[in-house]
């Protein structure tokens, strides 16, 4: 009887151990497969974002932000380009309380602030803690043109572009600097008319102009800031090496 009880205890313990072992074994398999499929899904999402981005025909505005990341505003979403990686993120995730449509946007490397322009208003954001925090929304001064073509950061200042003319914008006073309104040809010669967006190139020596062409769709024009002339142009996809890889 005593031996039988020992055998029963042994069987129960062995069964418990076997059950626990099986549970942890299957749990480990589940975690491994979950990690694998999650990684595969993220890779697929990344590839889909890149493919969708490379097929972009038109966007509303663009700027180069912190860490040289590029932000392309299109409808309710924003494409964030970081070297060869492309992420598609809802605009409210990056810019809380932002308008659905923008006329222009830019980022000041001097103050760490991003500005989204729409009609006669500007949404102001501060970049801190790896994210943009909405500070306030202001009404633009009357001297600032309505429905801007573009806005960009150049040589330590923000410039607003409208109908081929540049307006030096004072961030602190939220207005155009007096007597600082001049033709865009003052900086760059032979810039195409009706530019849709402007962005600083890979370095301060280059500026990229984007223009919507009904036939060729979105085109880029790369200008040398020192020579003040165009050095390269092409389709939207050809501007990004990863679009052809």
Protein backbone atom coordinates (compact mmCIF):
# COMPACT_ATOMS: atom_id res chain seq x y z
CA UNK A 1 0.00 0.00 0.00
CA UNK A 2 2.82 2.34 0.86
CA UNK A 3 4.55 1.55 -2.44
CA UNK A 4 1.33 2.17 -4.34
CA UNK A 5 0.97 5.61 -2.72
CA UNK A 6 4.56 6.47 -3.68
CA UNK A 7 3.88 5.43 -7.25
CA UNK A 8 0.72 7.57 -7.34
CA UNK A 9 2.61 10.60 -6.02
CA UNK A 10 5.36 9.98 -8.59
CA UNK A 11 2.82 9.77 -11.41
CA UNK A 12 1.09 12.97 -10.27
CA UNK A 13 4.40 14.85 -9.97
CA UNK A 14 5.60 13.56 -13.32
CA UNK A 15 2.31 14.52 -14.95
CA UNK A 16 2.50 18.01 -13.40
CA UNK A 17 6.07 18.39 -14.57
CA UNK A 18 5.20 17.15 -18.04
CA UNK A 19 2.24 19.54 -18.22
CA UNK A 20 4.37 22.46 -17.05
CA UNK A 21 7.11 21.53 -19.49
CA UNK A 22 4.62 21.27 -22.33
CA UNK A 23 3.05 24.59 -21.36
CA UNK A 24 6.37 26.44 -21.31
CA UNK A 25 7.48 24.67 -24.48
CA UNK A 26 4.37 25.78 -26.39
CA UNK A 27 4.59 29.23 -24.81
CA UNK A 28 8.15 29.53 -26.10
CA UNK A 29 7.05 28.42 -29.57
CA UNK A 30 4.20 30.94 -29.49
CA UNK A 31 6.52 33.79 -28.56
CA UNK A 32 9.03 32.84 -31.25
CA UNK A 33 6.38 32.64 -33.98
CA UNK A 34 4.71 35.84 -32.76
CA UNK A 35 8.02 37.65 -32.93
CA UNK A 36 8.68 36.24 -36.38
CA UNK A 37 5.28 37.17 -37.80
CA UNK A 38 5.38 40.56 -36.10
CA UNK A 39 8.75 41.26 -37.66
CA UNK A 40 7.50 40.03 -41.03
CA UNK A 41 4.40 42.23 -40.71
CA UNK A 42 6.47 45.28 -39.78
CA UNK A 43 8.77 44.59 -42.73
CA UNK A 44 5.76 44.31 -45.03
CA UNK A 45 4.29 47.54 -43.66
CA UNK A 46 7.64 49.25 -44.17
CA UNK A 47 7.86 48.00 -47.75
CA UNK A 48 4.25 49.06 -48.41
CA UNK A 49 4.96 52.54 -47.02
CA UNK A 50 8.02 52.85 -49.20
CA UNK A 51 6.16 51.63 -52.29
CA UNK A 52 3.26 53.99 -51.64
CA UNK A 53 5.68 56.86 -51.08
CA UNK A 54 7.65 56.18 -54.27
CA UNK A 55 4.39 56.24 -56.23
CA UNK A 56 3.40 59.61 -54.77
CA UNK A 57 2.08 61.95 -57.43
CA UNK A 58 1.56 65.03 -55.32
CA UNK A 59 1.95 66.29 -51.76
CA UNK A 60 0.87 69.48 -50.04
CA UNK A 61 4.03 70.54 -48.24
CA UNK A 62 7.41 69.31 -47.09
CA UNK A 63 10.18 70.24 -44.69
CA UNK A 64 13.40 68.86 -43.32
CA UNK A 65 13.09 68.43 -39.57
CA UNK A 66 15.29 67.26 -36.69
CA UNK A 67 17.93 64.58 -37.41
CA UNK A 68 17.61 65.35 -41.14
CA UNK A 69 14.27 63.56 -41.33
CA UNK A 70 12.02 64.69 -44.18
CA UNK A 71 8.29 65.21 -43.63
CA UNK A 72 5.92 65.04 -46.61
CA UNK A 73 2.37 66.19 -45.84
CA UNK A 74 -0.30 64.48 -47.95
CA UNK A 75 -3.99 64.68 -47.00
CA UNK A 76 -4.56 63.03 -43.61
CA UNK A 77 -1.15 61.34 -43.52
CA UNK A 78 2.50 62.27 -43.38
CA UNK A 79 5.38 60.36 -44.91
CA UNK A 80 8.50 60.52 -42.74
CA UNK A 81 11.70 59.69 -44.63
CA UNK A 82 14.74 58.79 -42.56
CA UNK A 83 17.57 57.80 -44.87
CA UNK A 84 16.26 54.64 -46.59
CA UNK A 85 13.33 54.13 -44.24
CA UNK A 86 9.83 55.43 -44.92
CA UNK A 87 7.00 55.59 -42.39
CA UNK A 88 3.40 56.55 -43.09
CA UNK A 89 1.90 58.20 -40.00
CA UNK A 90 -1.41 59.93 -39.37
CA UNK A 91 -0.95 63.70 -39.22
CA UNK A 92 -2.60 63.96 -35.79
CA UNK A 93 -0.06 61.52 -34.38
CA UNK A 94 2.83 63.78 -35.37
CA UNK A 95 1.10 67.17 -35.22
CA UNK A 96 -1.81 67.15 -32.73
CA UNK A 97 -4.62 69.60 -33.54
CA UNK A 98 -3.22 70.22 -37.01
CA UNK A 99 -5.51 71.16 -39.94
CA UNK A 100 -6.54 68.55 -42.48
CA UNK A 101 -4.98 70.51 -45.33
CA UNK A 102 -1.97 72.84 -45.22
CA UNK A 103 -0.64 75.40 -47.68
CA UNK A 104 2.95 75.23 -46.46
CA UNK A 105 5.06 74.06 -43.54
CA UNK A 106 8.61 74.44 -42.35
CA UNK A 107 10.93 73.73 -39.44
CA UNK A 108 13.29 76.24 -37.87
CA UNK A 109 16.64 74.68 -37.02
CA UNK A 110 17.38 77.79 -34.99
CA UNK A 111 14.43 77.60 -32.60
CA UNK A 112 13.39 73.94 -32.92
CA UNK A 113 9.87 74.96 -33.91
CA UNK A 114 7.69 73.70 -36.74
CA UNK A 115 5.14 75.92 -38.48
CA UNK A 116 2.09 74.74 -40.42
CA UNK A 117 0.41 77.42 -42.53
CA UNK A 118 -3.18 77.36 -43.73
CA UNK A 119 -5.00 80.41 -45.09
CA UNK A 120 -4.39 83.18 -42.57
CA UNK A 121 -3.37 80.98 -39.64
CA UNK A 122 -0.21 79.26 -38.45
CA UNK A 123 0.00 76.25 -36.16
CA UNK A 124 3.16 76.37 -34.03
CA UNK A 125 4.89 73.27 -32.64
CA UNK A 126 7.96 72.72 -30.50
CA UNK A 127 10.15 69.68 -31.02
CA UNK A 128 11.15 68.17 -27.70
CA UNK A 129 11.31 64.67 -26.29
CA UNK A 130 11.44 63.25 -29.85
CA UNK A 131 7.99 64.61 -30.67
CA UNK A 132 6.22 67.79 -31.78
CA UNK A 133 4.15 69.51 -29.09
CA UNK A 134 1.44 71.94 -30.13
CA UNK A 135 2.14 75.34 -28.55
CA UNK A 136 -0.48 77.58 -30.09
CA UNK A 137 -2.36 78.61 -33.21
CA UNK A 138 -2.03 82.21 -34.32
CA UNK A 139 -3.63 84.42 -36.92
CA UNK A 140 -1.07 85.74 -39.39
CA UNK A 141 -0.32 89.41 -39.72
CA UNK A 142 -2.13 91.15 -42.59
CA UNK A 143 1.10 91.78 -44.45
CA UNK A 144 1.71 88.02 -44.76
CA UNK A 145 0.34 86.71 -48.10
CA UNK A 146 -2.71 84.49 -47.95
CA UNK A 147 -2.48 80.84 -49.14
CA UNK A 148 1.28 80.51 -49.36
CA UNK A 149 3.01 78.49 -52.07
CA UNK A 150 5.71 77.30 -49.69
CA UNK A 151 7.75 78.07 -46.59
CA UNK A 152 11.33 77.03 -45.90
CA UNK A 153 14.32 77.55 -43.65
CA UNK A 154 17.36 79.08 -45.34
CA UNK A 155 20.56 80.54 -43.89
CA UNK A 156 19.15 80.87 -40.39
CA UNK A 157 15.83 82.44 -41.36
CA UNK A 158 12.37 81.39 -42.50
CA UNK A 159 11.14 82.56 -45.89
CA UNK A 160 7.60 82.50 -47.20
CA UNK A 161 7.09 82.01 -50.93
CA UNK A 162 4.15 83.44 -52.84
CA UNK A 163 3.89 84.01 -56.62
CA UNK A 164 7.65 84.05 -57.11
CA UNK A 165 8.37 86.45 -54.24
CA UNK A 166 10.09 85.71 -50.95
CA UNK A 167 9.02 87.22 -47.64
CA UNK A 168 11.44 87.07 -44.71
CA UNK A 169 9.33 85.99 -41.74
CA UNK A 170 10.02 87.05 -38.17
CA UNK A 171 9.24 84.03 -35.94
CA UNK A 172 9.03 86.02 -32.74
CA UNK A 173 6.78 88.81 -34.06
CA UNK A 174 4.75 86.55 -36.37
CA UNK A 175 5.06 88.96 -39.26
CA UNK A 176 7.10 89.74 -42.36
CA UNK A 177 10.31 91.64 -41.77
CA UNK A 178 9.93 95.15 -43.29
CA UNK A 179 11.83 95.81 -46.51
CA UNK A 180 12.68 92.09 -46.86
CA UNK A 181 10.47 91.20 -49.80
CA UNK A 182 12.22 90.29 -53.05
CA UNK A 183 12.07 88.03 -56.08
CA UNK A 184 13.16 84.43 -55.65
CA UNK A 185 15.66 84.99 -58.46
CA UNK A 186 17.63 87.07 -55.96
CA UNK A 187 18.85 83.77 -54.49
CA UNK A 188 18.40 81.36 -57.38
CA UNK A 189 18.25 81.97 -61.12
CA UNK A 190 15.83 80.22 -63.47
CA UNK A 191 13.61 78.77 -60.75
CA UNK A 192 10.45 77.36 -62.36
CA UNK A 193 7.24 79.29 -61.86
CA UNK A 194 4.52 78.20 -59.45
CA UNK A 195 6.71 76.21 -57.08
CA UNK A 196 4.72 73.91 -54.76
CA UNK A 197 7.33 73.22 -52.07
CA UNK A 198 10.91 74.06 -51.09
CA UNK A 199 13.27 72.10 -48.89
CA UNK A 200 16.90 72.28 -47.86
CA UNK A 201 19.00 69.59 -49.56
CA UNK A 202 21.42 67.14 -47.96
CA UNK A 203 23.49 70.09 -46.81
CA UNK A 204 23.22 73.86 -46.63
CA UNK A 205 24.80 74.14 -50.07
CA UNK A 206 21.74 72.76 -51.83
CA UNK A 207 18.06 73.65 -52.06
CA UNK A 208 15.35 71.44 -53.54
CA UNK A 209 12.33 72.90 -55.32
CA UNK A 210 9.24 70.77 -55.99
CA UNK A 211 6.77 71.53 -58.75
CA UNK A 212 3.62 69.79 -59.88
CA UNK A 213 3.60 69.06 -63.62
CA UNK A 214 0.28 67.86 -65.11
CA UNK A 215 2.08 65.49 -67.48
CA UNK A 216 5.21 64.54 -65.54
CA UNK A 217 3.52 64.83 -62.15
CA UNK A 218 5.75 65.91 -59.24
CA UNK A 219 9.23 67.02 -60.32
CA UNK A 220 12.26 68.16 -58.34
CA UNK A 221 14.84 70.81 -59.19
CA UNK A 222 18.11 70.77 -57.27
CA UNK A 223 19.87 74.11 -57.00
CA UNK A 224 23.42 74.91 -55.94
CA UNK A 225 23.21 77.73 -53.39
CA UNK A 226 26.71 78.96 -54.13
CA UNK A 227 26.50 78.93 -57.92
CA UNK A 228 22.83 79.94 -57.66
CA UNK A 229 21.82 77.69 -60.53
CA UNK A 230 20.08 74.38 -61.14
CA UNK A 231 22.39 71.36 -61.23
CA UNK A 232 19.89 68.51 -61.46
CA UNK A 233 16.21 67.74 -61.99
CA UNK A 234 13.96 64.74 -62.41
CA UNK A 235 10.88 62.84 -61.30
CA UNK A 236 9.80 62.49 -57.70
CA UNK A 237 10.90 58.84 -57.45
CA UNK A 238 14.30 59.50 -59.04
CA UNK A 239 15.16 61.86 -56.17
CA UNK A 240 15.24 58.93 -53.75
CA UNK A 241 17.80 56.14 -54.36
CA UNK A 242 15.66 53.58 -52.51
CA UNK A 243 12.80 54.05 -54.99
CA UNK A 244 14.87 52.45 -57.72
CA UNK A 245 16.29 49.64 -55.60
